[in-house]
Amino acid sequence: MDYFLKGNKTLITYSLIMFVIISIFGINFFISFLGNILLVLFLIPILLVVVLLIGFNSYKSKINTCSNCGAISLGLSDTCMNCGEELKDTNKWSKLDKNPSERTIEVKAEEVK
């Protein structure tokens, strides 16, 4: 018996701790604790996927394509590394260059009967 107690000292210690915790908090505590652990295990991968999608969209918005040769640049320089053509950020500036009066939509009110 003495050999069993020496060899399984941690097992007996954890068993006593679990017995005390179960008697104080009850089984409901452990069910909710395990549920929370499983919830975290499922939510962490979803959170990582969301962070990766946001990072990919941020990376995608910085990409410029040369109108002359078609080379792709990350937007770190103003000129193309292939042909030396000046890069224009077509995504950002094409919407901002237009005159606002050209983009205004006229709306006429109608009475609904």
PDB file of N, CA and C in Angstrom:
ATOM      1  N   MET A   1       0.821  -1.186   0.000  1.00  0.00           N
ATOM      2  CA  MET A   1       0.000   0.000   0.000  1.00  0.00           C
ATOM      3  C   MET A   1       0.866   1.252   0.000  1.00  0.00           C
ATOM      4  N   ASP A   2       1.964   1.211   0.730  1.00  0.00           N
ATOM      5  CA  ASP A   2       2.865   2.342   0.796  1.00  0.00           C
ATOM      6  C   ASP A   2       3.483   2.601  -0.583  1.00  0.00           C
ATOM      7  N   TYR A   3       3.797   1.538  -1.326  1.00  0.00           N
ATOM      8  CA  TYR A   3       4.362   1.672  -2.671  1.00  0.00           C
ATOM      9  C   TYR A   3       3.349   2.334  -3.615  1.00  0.00           C
ATOM     10  N   PHE A   4       2.070   1.987  -3.501  1.00  0.00           N
ATOM     11  CA  PHE A   4       1.022   2.571  -4.329  1.00  0.00           C
ATOM     12  C   PHE A   4       0.896   4.072  -4.069  1.00  0.00           C
ATOM     13  N   LEU A   5       0.971   4.479  -2.808  1.00  0.00           N
ATOM     14  CA  LEU A   5       0.859   5.897  -2.473  1.00  0.00           C
ATOM     15  C   LEU A   5       2.040   6.703  -2.995  1.00  0.00           C
ATOM     16  N   LYS A   6       3.249   6.128  -2.950  1.00  0.00           N
ATOM     17  CA  LYS A   6       4.426   6.834  -3.449  1.00  0.00           C
ATOM     18  C   LYS A   6       4.403   6.938  -4.975  1.00  0.00           C
ATOM     19  N   GLY A   7       3.995   5.882  -5.652  1.00  0.00           N
ATOM     20  CA  GLY A   7       4.007   5.863  -7.107  1.00  0.00           C
ATOM     21  C   GLY A   7       2.918   6.708  -7.725  1.00  0.00           C
ATOM     22  N   ASN A   8       1.788   6.809  -7.077  1.00  0.00           N
ATOM     23  CA  ASN A   8       0.652   7.541  -7.632  1.00  0.00           C
ATOM     24  C   ASN A   8       0.312   8.771  -6.798  1.00  0.00           C
ATOM     25  N   LYS A   9       1.329   9.467  -6.352  1.00  0.00           N
ATOM     26  CA  LYS A   9       1.127  10.627  -5.496  1.00  0.00           C
ATOM     27  C   LYS A   9       0.365  11.733  -6.237  1.00  0.00           C
ATOM     28  N   THR A  10       0.705  12.002  -7.487  1.00  0.00           N
ATOM     29  CA  THR A  10       0.023  13.062  -8.231  1.00  0.00           C
ATOM     30  C   THR A  10      -1.408  12.658  -8.568  1.00  0.00           C
ATOM     31  N   LEU A  11      -1.621  11.358  -8.851  1.00  0.00           N
ATOM     32  CA  LEU A  11      -2.968  10.886  -9.148  1.00  0.00           C
ATOM     33  C   LEU A  11      -3.877  11.064  -7.935  1.00  0.00           C
ATOM     34  N   ILE A  12      -3.379  10.716  -6.781  1.00  0.00           N
ATOM     35  CA  ILE A  12      -4.165  10.862  -5.550  1.00  0.00           C
ATOM     36  C   ILE A  12      -4.399  12.343  -5.249  1.00  0.00           C
ATOM     37  N   THR A  13      -3.386  13.180  -5.475  1.00  0.00           N
ATOM     38  CA  THR A  13      -3.530  14.616  -5.224  1.00  0.00           C
ATOM     39  C   THR A  13      -4.598  15.226  -6.128  1.00  0.00           C
ATOM     40  N   TYR A  14      -4.525  14.923  -7.415  1.00  0.00           N
ATOM     41  CA  TYR A  14      -5.521  15.465  -8.344  1.00  0.00           C
ATOM     42  C   TYR A  14      -6.912  14.893  -8.072  1.00  0.00           C
ATOM     43  N   SER A  15      -6.980  13.648  -7.669  1.00  0.00           N
ATOM     44  CA  SER A  15      -8.281  13.054  -7.346  1.00  0.00           C
ATOM     45  C   SER A  15      -8.912  13.746  -6.148  1.00  0.00           C
ATOM     46  N   LEU A  16      -8.100  14.037  -5.130  1.00  0.00           N
ATOM     47  CA  LEU A  16      -8.614  14.751  -3.957  1.00  0.00           C
ATOM     48  C   LEU A  16      -9.054  16.170  -4.321  1.00  0.00           C
ATOM     49  N   ILE A  17      -8.278  16.835  -5.158  1.00  0.00           N
ATOM     50  CA  ILE A  17      -8.643  18.192  -5.575  1.00  0.00           C
ATOM     51  C   ILE A  17      -9.956  18.160  -6.345  1.00  0.00           C
ATOM     52  N   MET A  18     -10.110  17.201  -7.268  1.00  0.00           N
ATOM     53  CA  MET A  18     -11.347  17.093  -8.041  1.00  0.00           C
ATOM     54  C   MET A  18     -12.531  16.771  -7.128  1.00  0.00           C
ATOM     55  N   PHE A  19     -12.317  15.900  -6.159  1.00  0.00           N
ATOM     56  CA  PHE A  19     -13.391  15.550  -5.235  1.00  0.00           C
ATOM     57  C   PHE A  19     -13.838  16.774  -4.436  1.00  0.00           C
ATOM     58  N   VAL A  20     -12.895  17.577  -3.973  1.00  0.00           N
ATOM     59  CA  VAL A  20     -13.224  18.771  -3.202  1.00  0.00           C
ATOM     60  C   VAL A  20     -13.943  19.791  -4.091  1.00  0.00           C
ATOM     61  N   ILE A  21     -13.442  19.995  -5.303  1.00  0.00           N
ATOM     62  CA  ILE A  21     -14.063  20.966  -6.206  1.00  0.00           C
ATOM     63  C   ILE A  21     -15.461  20.514  -6.601  1.00  0.00           C
ATOM     64  N   ILE A  22     -15.635  19.207  -6.887  1.00  0.00           N
ATOM     65  CA  ILE A  22     -16.959  18.703  -7.259  1.00  0.00           C
ATOM     66  C   ILE A  22     -17.930  18.849  -6.091  1.00  0.00           C
ATOM     67  N   SER A  23     -17.456  18.581  -4.894  1.00  0.00           N
ATOM     68  CA  SER A  23     -18.362  18.697  -3.751  1.00  0.00           C
ATOM     69  C   SER A  23     -18.731  20.152  -3.457  1.00  0.00           C
ATOM     70  N   ILE A  24     -17.834  21.088  -3.766  1.00  0.00           N
ATOM     71  CA  ILE A  24     -18.137  22.499  -3.508  1.00  0.00           C
ATOM     72  C   ILE A  24     -18.966  23.104  -4.639  1.00  0.00           C
ATOM     73  N   PHE A  25     -18.504  22.951  -5.888  1.00  0.00           N
ATOM     74  CA  PHE A  25     -19.142  23.618  -7.021  1.00  0.00           C
ATOM     75  C   PHE A  25     -20.182  22.753  -7.730  1.00  0.00           C
ATOM     76  N   GLY A  26     -20.041  21.463  -7.678  1.00  0.00           N
ATOM     77  CA  GLY A  26     -21.004  20.572  -8.308  1.00  0.00           C
ATOM     78  C   GLY A  26     -20.625  20.207  -9.730  1.00  0.00           C
ATOM     79  N   ILE A  27     -21.367  19.285 -10.284  1.00  0.00           N
ATOM     80  CA  ILE A  27     -21.123  18.780 -11.630  1.00  0.00           C
ATOM     81  C   ILE A  27     -21.416  19.856 -12.678  1.00  0.00           C
ATOM     82  N   ASN A  28     -22.365  20.727 -12.413  1.00  0.00           N
ATOM     83  CA  ASN A  28     -22.731  21.767 -13.374  1.00  0.00           C
ATOM     84  C   ASN A  28     -21.539  22.653 -13.709  1.00  0.00           C
ATOM     85  N   PHE A  29     -20.671  22.917 -12.738  1.00  0.00           N
ATOM     86  CA  PHE A  29     -19.467  23.707 -12.962  1.00  0.00           C
ATOM     87  C   PHE A  29     -18.575  23.044 -13.997  1.00  0.00           C
ATOM     88  N   PHE A  30     -18.384  21.746 -13.893  1.00  0.00           N
ATOM     89  CA  PHE A  30     -17.497  21.043 -14.823  1.00  0.00           C
ATOM     90  C   PHE A  30     -18.102  20.934 -16.213  1.00  0.00           C
ATOM     91  N   ILE A  31     -19.403  20.778 -16.285  1.00  0.00           N
ATOM     92  CA  ILE A  31     -20.047  20.721 -17.601  1.00  0.00           C
ATOM     93  C   ILE A  31     -19.899  22.072 -18.305  1.00  0.00           C
ATOM     94  N   SER A  32     -20.126  23.154 -17.578  1.00  0.00           N
ATOM     95  CA  SER A  32     -19.980  24.475 -18.194  1.00  0.00           C
ATOM     96  C   SER A  32     -18.514  24.776 -18.500  1.00  0.00           C
ATOM     97  N   PHE A  33     -17.600  24.325 -17.665  1.00  0.00           N
ATOM     98  CA  PHE A  33     -16.167  24.530 -17.899  1.00  0.00           C
ATOM     99  C   PHE A  33     -15.716  23.807 -19.163  1.00  0.00           C
ATOM    100  N   LEU A  34     -16.141  22.558 -19.330  1.00  0.00           N
ATOM    101  CA  LEU A  34     -15.790  21.811 -20.538  1.00  0.00           C
ATOM    102  C   LEU A  34     -16.449  22.423 -21.772  1.00  0.00           C
ATOM    103  N   GLY A  35     -17.678  22.913 -21.611  1.00  0.00           N
ATOM    104  CA  GLY A  35     -18.350  23.583 -22.728  1.00  0.00           C
ATOM    105  C   GLY A  35     -17.614  24.832 -23.156  1.00  0.00           C
ATOM    106  N   ASN A  36     -17.113  25.592 -22.201  1.00  0.00           N
ATOM    107  CA  ASN A  36     -16.355  26.801 -22.534  1.00  0.00           C
ATOM    108  C   ASN A  36     -15.047  26.463 -23.226  1.00  0.00           C
ATOM    109  N   ILE A  37     -14.388  25.417 -22.790  1.00  0.00           N
ATOM    110  CA  ILE A  37     -13.148  25.000 -23.441  1.00  0.00           C
ATOM    111  C   ILE A  37     -13.421  24.590 -24.881  1.00  0.00           C
ATOM    112  N   LEU A  38     -14.481  23.821 -25.114  1.00  0.00           N
ATOM    113  CA  LEU A  38     -14.825  23.418 -26.478  1.00  0.00           C
ATOM    114  C   LEU A  38     -15.206  24.623 -27.327  1.00  0.00           C
ATOM    115  N   LEU A  39     -15.906  25.580 -26.738  1.00  0.00           N
ATOM    116  CA  LEU A  39     -16.280  26.787 -27.454  1.00  0.00           C
ATOM    117  C   LEU A  39     -15.047  27.566 -27.893  1.00  0.00           C
ATOM    118  N   VAL A  40     -14.072  27.688 -27.003  1.00  0.00           N
ATOM    119  CA  VAL A  40     -12.830  28.381 -27.344  1.00  0.00           C
ATOM    120  C   VAL A  40     -12.088  27.622 -28.445  1.00  0.00           C
ATOM    121  N   LEU A  41     -12.084  26.303 -28.377  1.00  0.00           N
ATOM    122  CA  LEU A  41     -11.394  25.518 -29.402  1.00  0.00           C
ATOM    123  C   LEU A  41     -12.038  25.686 -30.773  1.00  0.00           C
ATOM    124  N   PHE A  42     -13.335  25.946 -30.824  1.00  0.00           N
ATOM    125  CA  PHE A  42     -13.992  26.174 -32.106  1.00  0.00           C
ATOM    126  C   PHE A  42     -13.884  27.626 -32.559  1.00  0.00           C
ATOM    127  N   LEU A  43     -13.842  28.575 -31.619  1.00  0.00           N
ATOM    128  CA  LEU A  43     -13.829  29.986 -31.998  1.00  0.00           C
ATOM    129  C   LEU A  43     -12.446  30.482 -32.400  1.00  0.00           C
ATOM    130  N   ILE A  44     -11.386  29.905 -31.860  1.00  0.00           N
ATOM    131  CA  ILE A  44     -10.039  30.344 -32.220  1.00  0.00           C
ATOM    132  C   ILE A  44      -9.767  30.143 -33.707  1.00  0.00           C
ATOM    133  N   PRO A  45     -10.069  28.987 -34.314  1.00  0.00           N
ATOM    134  CA  PRO A  45      -9.851  28.874 -35.765  1.00  0.00           C
ATOM    135  C   PRO A  45     -10.701  29.842 -36.582  1.00  0.00           C
ATOM    136  N   ILE A  46     -11.931  30.090 -36.151  1.00  0.00           N
ATOM    137  CA  ILE A  46     -12.780  31.050 -36.870  1.00  0.00           C
ATOM    138  C   ILE A  46     -12.179  32.448 -36.774  1.00  0.00           C
ATOM    139  N   LEU A  47     -11.669  32.821 -35.604  1.00  0.00           N
ATOM    140  CA  LEU A  47     -11.023  34.115 -35.426  1.00  0.00           C
ATOM    141  C   LEU A  47      -9.786  34.228 -36.311  1.00  0.00           C
ATOM    142  N   LEU A  48      -8.997  33.164 -36.409  1.00  0.00           N
ATOM    143  CA  LEU A  48      -7.812  33.180 -37.263  1.00  0.00           C
ATOM    144  C   LEU A  48      -8.192  33.338 -38.731  1.00  0.00           C
ATOM    145  N   VAL A  49      -9.264  32.695 -39.157  1.00  0.00           N
ATOM    146  CA  VAL A  49      -9.715  32.831 -40.548  1.00  0.00           C
ATOM    147  C   VAL A  49     -10.149  34.268 -40.824  1.00  0.00           C
ATOM    148  N   VAL A  50     -10.858  34.890 -39.893  1.00  0.00           N
ATOM    149  CA  VAL A  50     -11.288  36.279 -40.070  1.00  0.00           C
ATOM    150  C   VAL A  50     -10.074  37.205 -40.154  1.00  0.00           C
ATOM    151  N   VAL A  51      -9.086  36.988 -39.292  1.00  0.00           N
ATOM    152  CA  VAL A  51      -7.877  37.817 -39.322  1.00  0.00           C
ATOM    153  C   VAL A  51      -7.140  37.625 -40.645  1.00  0.00           C
ATOM    154  N   LEU A  52      -7.063  36.395 -41.143  1.00  0.00           N
ATOM    155  CA  LEU A  52      -6.410  36.153 -42.426  1.00  0.00           C
ATOM    156  C   LEU A  52      -7.156  36.816 -43.579  1.00  0.00           C
ATOM    157  N   LEU A  53      -8.478  36.786 -43.558  1.00  0.00           N
ATOM    158  CA  LEU A  53      -9.248  37.445 -44.611  1.00  0.00           C
ATOM    159  C   LEU A  53      -9.051  38.960 -44.597  1.00  0.00           C
ATOM    160  N   ILE A  54      -9.019  39.540 -43.407  1.00  0.00           N
ATOM    161  CA  ILE A  54      -8.781  40.984 -43.308  1.00  0.00           C
ATOM    162  C   ILE A  54      -7.381  41.327 -43.799  1.00  0.00           C
ATOM    163  N   GLY A  55      -6.398  40.512 -43.427  1.00  0.00           N
ATOM    164  CA  GLY A  55      -5.030  40.731 -43.898  1.00  0.00           C
ATOM    165  C   GLY A  55      -4.916  40.585 -45.402  1.00  0.00           C
ATOM    166  N   PHE A  56      -5.614  39.595 -45.965  1.00  0.00           N
ATOM    167  CA  PHE A  56      -5.570  39.393 -47.412  1.00  0.00           C
ATOM    168  C   PHE A  56      -6.203  40.570 -48.144  1.00  0.00           C
ATOM    169  N   ASN A  57      -7.310  41.089 -47.643  1.00  0.00           N
ATOM    170  CA  ASN A  57      -7.943  42.245 -48.276  1.00  0.00           C
ATOM    171  C   ASN A  57      -7.068  43.489 -48.174  1.00  0.00           C
ATOM    172  N   SER A  58      -6.379  43.649 -47.060  1.00  0.00           N
ATOM    173  CA  SER A  58      -5.460  44.776 -46.907  1.00  0.00           C
ATOM    174  C   SER A  58      -4.302  44.655 -47.889  1.00  0.00           C
ATOM    175  N   TYR A  59      -3.791  43.451 -48.029  1.00  0.00           N
ATOM    176  CA  TYR A  59      -2.691  43.192 -48.966  1.00  0.00           C
ATOM    177  C   TYR A  59      -3.156  43.415 -50.401  1.00  0.00           C
ATOM    178  N   LYS A  60      -4.361  42.975 -50.699  1.00  0.00           N
ATOM    179  CA  LYS A  60      -4.911  43.088 -52.049  1.00  0.00           C
ATOM    180  C   LYS A  60      -5.128  44.548 -52.436  1.00  0.00           C
ATOM    181  N   SER A  61      -5.478  45.398 -51.481  1.00  0.00           N
ATOM    182  CA  SER A  61      -5.736  46.797 -51.791  1.00  0.00           C
ATOM    183  C   SER A  61      -4.453  47.565 -52.091  1.00  0.00           C
ATOM    184  N   LYS A  62      -3.295  47.053 -51.716  1.00  0.00           N
ATOM    185  CA  LYS A  62      -2.027  47.737 -51.962  1.00  0.00           C
ATOM    186  C   LYS A  62      -1.382  47.331 -53.282  1.00  0.00           C
ATOM    187  N   ILE A  63      -1.956  46.375 -53.982  1.00  0.00           N
ATOM    188  CA  ILE A  63      -1.363  45.886 -55.222  1.00  0.00           C
ATOM    189  C   ILE A  63      -1.707  46.836 -56.369  1.00  0.00           C
ATOM    190  N   ASN A  64      -0.687  47.236 -57.134  1.00  0.00           N
ATOM    191  CA  ASN A  64      -0.856  48.063 -58.326  1.00  0.00           C
ATOM    192  C   ASN A  64      -0.396  47.263 -59.534  1.00  0.00           C
ATOM    193  N   THR A  65      -1.076  47.429 -60.654  1.00  0.00           N
ATOM    194  CA  THR A  65      -0.694  46.780 -61.897  1.00  0.00           C
ATOM    195  C   THR A  65      -0.252  47.850 -62.888  1.00  0.00           C
ATOM    196  N   CYS A  66       0.860  47.611 -63.526  1.00  0.00           N
ATOM    197  CA  CYS A  66       1.389  48.552 -64.509  1.00  0.00           C
ATOM    198  C   CYS A  66       0.504  48.517 -65.748  1.00  0.00           C
ATOM    199  N   SER A  67       0.101  49.698 -66.211  1.00  0.00           N
ATOM    200  CA  SER A  67      -0.747  49.762 -67.401  1.00  0.00           C
ATOM    201  C   SER A  67       0.053  49.527 -68.679  1.00  0.00           C
ATOM    202  N   ASN A  68       1.378  49.649 -68.616  1.00  0.00           N
ATOM    203  CA  ASN A  68       2.212  49.488 -69.800  1.00  0.00           C
ATOM    204  C   ASN A  68       2.596  48.025 -70.031  1.00  0.00           C
ATOM    205  N   CYS A  69       3.160  47.367 -69.007  1.00  0.00           N
ATOM    206  CA  CYS A  69       3.663  46.000 -69.196  1.00  0.00           C
ATOM    207  C   CYS A  69       2.866  44.950 -68.428  1.00  0.00           C
ATOM    208  N   GLY A  70       2.024  45.350 -67.485  1.00  0.00           N
ATOM    209  CA  GLY A  70       1.200  44.403 -66.740  1.00  0.00           C
ATOM    210  C   GLY A  70       1.884  43.823 -65.514  1.00  0.00           C
ATOM    211  N   ALA A  71       3.047  44.340 -65.143  1.00  0.00           N
ATOM    212  CA  ALA A  71       3.745  43.845 -63.954  1.00  0.00           C
ATOM    213  C   ALA A  71       2.986  44.267 -62.697  1.00  0.00           C
ATOM    214  N   ILE A  72       3.100  43.449 -61.666  1.00  0.00           N
ATOM    215  CA  ILE A  72       2.385  43.715 -60.414  1.00  0.00           C
ATOM    216  C   ILE A  72       3.368  44.277 -59.397  1.00  0.00           C
ATOM    217  N   SER A  73       2.956  45.349 -58.717  1.00  0.00           N
ATOM    218  CA  SER A  73       3.765  45.991 -57.697  1.00  0.00           C
ATOM    219  C   SER A  73       2.945  46.105 -56.422  1.00  0.00           C
ATOM    220  N   LEU A  74       3.630  46.121 -55.286  1.00  0.00           N
ATOM    221  CA  LEU A  74       2.939  46.214 -54.005  1.00  0.00           C
ATOM    222  C   LEU A  74       2.638  47.648 -53.588  1.00  0.00           C
ATOM    223  N   GLY A  75       2.892  48.600 -54.431  1.00  0.00           N
ATOM    224  CA  GLY A  75       2.569  49.979 -54.092  1.00  0.00           C
ATOM    225  C   GLY A  75       3.641  50.646 -53.267  1.00  0.00           C
ATOM    226  N   LEU A  76       4.827  50.062 -53.197  1.00  0.00           N
ATOM    227  CA  LEU A  76       5.914  50.653 -52.430  1.00  0.00           C
ATOM    228  C   LEU A  76       6.662  51.710 -53.228  1.00  0.00           C
ATOM    229  N   SER A  77       6.553  51.644 -54.562  1.00  0.00           N
ATOM    230  CA  SER A  77       7.228  52.629 -55.400  1.00  0.00           C
ATOM    231  C   SER A  77       6.215  53.258 -56.353  1.00  0.00           C
ATOM    232  N   ASP A  78       6.625  54.383 -56.933  1.00  0.00           N
ATOM    233  CA  ASP A  78       5.739  55.087 -57.863  1.00  0.00           C
ATOM    234  C   ASP A  78       5.989  54.692 -59.307  1.00  0.00           C
ATOM    235  N   THR A  79       7.075  53.963 -59.562  1.00  0.00           N
ATOM    236  CA  THR A  79       7.391  53.552 -60.929  1.00  0.00           C
ATOM    237  C   THR A  79       7.444  52.036 -61.013  1.00  0.00           C
ATOM    238  N   CYS A  80       7.207  51.527 -62.209  1.00  0.00           N
ATOM    239  CA  CYS A  80       7.236  50.090 -62.456  1.00  0.00           C
ATOM    240  C   CYS A  80       8.683  49.608 -62.434  1.00  0.00           C
ATOM    241  N   MET A  81       8.934  48.485 -61.814  1.00  0.00           N
ATOM    242  CA  MET A  81      10.289  47.938 -61.740  1.00  0.00           C
ATOM    243  C   MET A  81      10.706  47.302 -63.069  1.00  0.00           C
ATOM    244  N   ASN A  82       9.737  46.938 -63.902  1.00  0.00           N
ATOM    245  CA  ASN A  82      10.024  46.302 -65.185  1.00  0.00           C
ATOM    246  C   ASN A  82      10.357  47.323 -66.263  1.00  0.00           C
ATOM    247  N   CYS A  83       9.417  48.239 -66.509  1.00  0.00           N
ATOM    248  CA  CYS A  83       9.559  49.141 -67.655  1.00  0.00           C
ATOM    249  C   CYS A  83       9.830  50.588 -67.265  1.00  0.00           C
ATOM    250  N   GLY A  84       9.672  50.959 -66.016  1.00  0.00           N
ATOM    251  CA  GLY A  84       9.928  52.323 -65.575  1.00  0.00           C
ATOM    252  C   GLY A  84       8.747  53.263 -65.732  1.00  0.00           C
ATOM    253  N   GLU A  85       7.614  52.735 -66.187  1.00  0.00           N
ATOM    254  CA  GLU A  85       6.401  53.541 -66.348  1.00  0.00           C
ATOM    255  C   GLU A  85       5.891  53.980 -64.973  1.00  0.00           C
ATOM    256  N   GLU A  86       5.307  55.172 -64.926  1.00  0.00           N
ATOM    257  CA  GLU A  86       4.748  55.642 -63.660  1.00  0.00           C
ATOM    258  C   GLU A  86       3.475  54.865 -63.349  1.00  0.00           C
ATOM    259  N   LEU A  87       3.399  54.335 -62.129  1.00  0.00           N
ATOM    260  CA  LEU A  87       2.230  53.554 -61.723  1.00  0.00           C
ATOM    261  C   LEU A  87       1.138  54.477 -61.236  1.00  0.00           C
ATOM    262  N   LYS A  88      -0.068  54.174 -61.633  1.00  0.00           N
ATOM    263  CA  LYS A  88      -1.229  54.924 -61.169  1.00  0.00           C
ATOM    264  C   LYS A  88      -2.105  53.973 -60.383  1.00  0.00           C
ATOM    265  N   ASP A  89      -2.534  54.413 -59.240  1.00  0.00           N
ATOM    266  CA  ASP A  89      -3.424  53.590 -58.422  1.00  0.00           C
ATOM    267  C   ASP A  89      -4.845  53.782 -58.926  1.00  0.00           C
ATOM    268  N   THR A  90      -5.254  52.918 -59.830  1.00  0.00           N
ATOM    269  CA  THR A  90      -6.550  53.093 -60.495  1.00  0.00           C
ATOM    270  C   THR A  90      -7.715  52.886 -59.548  1.00  0.00           C
ATOM    271  N   ASN A  91      -7.540  52.071 -58.521  1.00  0.00           N
ATOM    272  CA  ASN A  91      -8.655  51.801 -57.613  1.00  0.00           C
ATOM    273  C   ASN A  91      -9.037  53.023 -56.794  1.00  0.00           C
ATOM    274  N   LYS A  92      -8.052  53.762 -56.327  1.00  0.00           N
ATOM    275  CA  LYS A  92      -8.338  54.882 -55.430  1.00  0.00           C
ATOM    276  C   LYS A  92      -8.659  56.164 -56.195  1.00  0.00           C
ATOM    277  N   TRP A  93      -7.876  56.461 -57.248  1.00  0.00           N
ATOM    278  CA  TRP A  93      -7.970  57.774 -57.866  1.00  0.00           C
ATOM    279  C   TRP A  93      -9.056  57.876 -58.922  1.00  0.00           C
ATOM    280  N   SER A  94      -9.482  56.777 -59.507  1.00  0.00           N
ATOM    281  CA  SER A  94     -10.485  56.882 -60.564  1.00  0.00           C
ATOM    282  C   SER A  94     -11.818  57.378 -60.007  1.00  0.00           C
ATOM    283  N   LYS A  95     -12.137  57.044 -58.786  1.00  0.00           N
ATOM    284  CA  LYS A  95     -13.389  57.489 -58.187  1.00  0.00           C
ATOM    285  C   LYS A  95     -13.301  58.928 -57.687  1.00  0.00           C
ATOM    286  N   LEU A  96     -12.101  59.368 -57.324  1.00  0.00           N
ATOM    287  CA  LEU A  96     -11.955  60.690 -56.731  1.00  0.00           C
ATOM    288  C   LEU A  96     -11.714  61.779 -57.761  1.00  0.00           C
ATOM    289  N   ASP A  97     -11.287  61.456 -58.976  1.00  0.00           N
ATOM    290  CA  ASP A  97     -10.972  62.457 -59.977  1.00  0.00           C
ATOM    291  C   ASP A  97     -12.201  63.069 -60.633  1.00  0.00           C
ATOM    292  N   LYS A  98     -13.302  62.382 -60.597  1.00  0.00           N
ATOM    293  CA  LYS A  98     -14.486  62.861 -61.297  1.00  0.00           C
ATOM    294  C   LYS A  98     -15.108  64.058 -60.581  1.00  0.00           C
ATOM    295  N   ASN A  99     -15.759  64.868 -61.365  1.00  0.00           N
ATOM    296  CA  ASN A  99     -16.469  66.015 -60.830  1.00  0.00           C
ATOM    297  C   ASN A  99     -17.705  65.506 -60.082  1.00  0.00           C
ATOM    298  N   PRO A 100     -17.951  65.962 -58.869  1.00  0.00           N
ATOM    299  CA  PRO A 100     -19.092  65.450 -58.104  1.00  0.00           C
ATOM    300  C   PRO A 100     -20.429  65.673 -58.780  1.00  0.00           C
ATOM    301  N   SER A 101     -20.553  66.749 -59.570  1.00  0.00           N
ATOM    302  CA  SER A 101     -21.837  66.998 -60.231  1.00  0.00           C
ATOM    303  C   SER A 101     -22.120  65.958 -61.301  1.00  0.00           C
ATOM    304  N   GLU A 102     -21.097  65.323 -61.835  1.00  0.00           N
ATOM    305  CA  GLU A 102     -21.291  64.273 -62.825  1.00  0.00           C
ATOM    306  C   GLU A 102     -21.791  62.982 -62.185  1.00  0.00           C
ATOM    307  N   ARG A 103     -21.531  62.796 -60.920  1.00  0.00           N
ATOM    308  CA  ARG A 103     -21.924  61.572 -60.246  1.00  0.00           C
ATOM    309  C   ARG A 103     -23.224  61.721 -59.467  1.00  0.00           C
ATOM    310  N   THR A 104     -23.792  62.920 -59.410  1.00  0.00           N
ATOM    311  CA  THR A 104     -25.018  63.138 -58.668  1.00  0.00           C
ATOM    312  C   THR A 104     -26.197  62.554 -59.433  1.00  0.00           C
ATOM    313  N   ILE A 105     -27.071  61.889 -58.730  1.00  0.00           N
ATOM    314  CA  ILE A 105     -28.240  61.277 -59.338  1.00  0.00           C
ATOM    315  C   ILE A 105     -29.455  62.127 -59.002  1.00  0.00           C
ATOM    316  N   GLU A 106     -30.187  62.501 -60.029  1.00  0.00           N
ATOM    317  CA  GLU A 106     -31.411  63.271 -59.833  1.00  0.00           C
ATOM    318  C   GLU A 106     -32.544  62.320 -59.471  1.00  0.00           C
ATOM    319  N   VAL A 107     -33.277  62.638 -58.403  1.00  0.00           N
ATOM    320  CA  VAL A 107     -34.378  61.812 -57.964  1.00  0.00           C
ATOM    321  C   VAL A 107     -35.641  62.661 -57.970  1.00  0.00           C
ATOM    322  N   LYS A 108     -36.686  62.150 -58.636  1.00  0.00           N
ATOM    323  CA  LYS A 108     -37.964  62.850 -58.669  1.00  0.00           C
ATOM    324  C   LYS A 108     -38.949  62.111 -57.763  1.00  0.00           C
ATOM    325  N   ALA A 109     -39.637  62.872 -56.948  1.00  0.00           N
ATOM    326  CA  ALA A 109     -40.604  62.282 -56.027  1.00  0.00           C
ATOM    327  C   ALA A 109     -41.911  62.014 -56.747  1.00  0.00           C
ATOM    328  N   GLU A 110     -42.488  60.854 -56.459  1.00  0.00           N
ATOM    329  CA  GLU A 110     -43.783  60.519 -57.025  1.00  0.00           C
ATOM    330  C   GLU A 110     -44.724  60.184 -55.882  1.00  0.00           C
ATOM    331  N   GLU A 111     -45.988  60.516 -56.089  1.00  0.00           N
ATOM    332  CA  GLU A 111     -46.984  60.216 -55.082  1.00  0.00           C
ATOM    333  C   GLU A 111     -47.494  58.795 -55.292  1.00  0.00           C
ATOM    334  N   VAL A 112     -47.511  58.006 -54.232  1.00  0.00           N
ATOM    335  CA  VAL A 112     -47.986  56.629 -54.301  1.00  0.00           C
ATOM    336  C   VAL A 112     -49.415  56.582 -53.816  1.00  0.00           C
ATOM    337  N   LYS A 113     -50.297  55.995 -54.630  1.00  0.00           N
ATOM    338  CA  LYS A 113     -51.713  55.919 -54.239  1.00  0.00           C
ATOM    339  C   LYS A 113     -52.087  54.521 -53.841  1.00  0.00           C
TER     340      LYS A 113
END
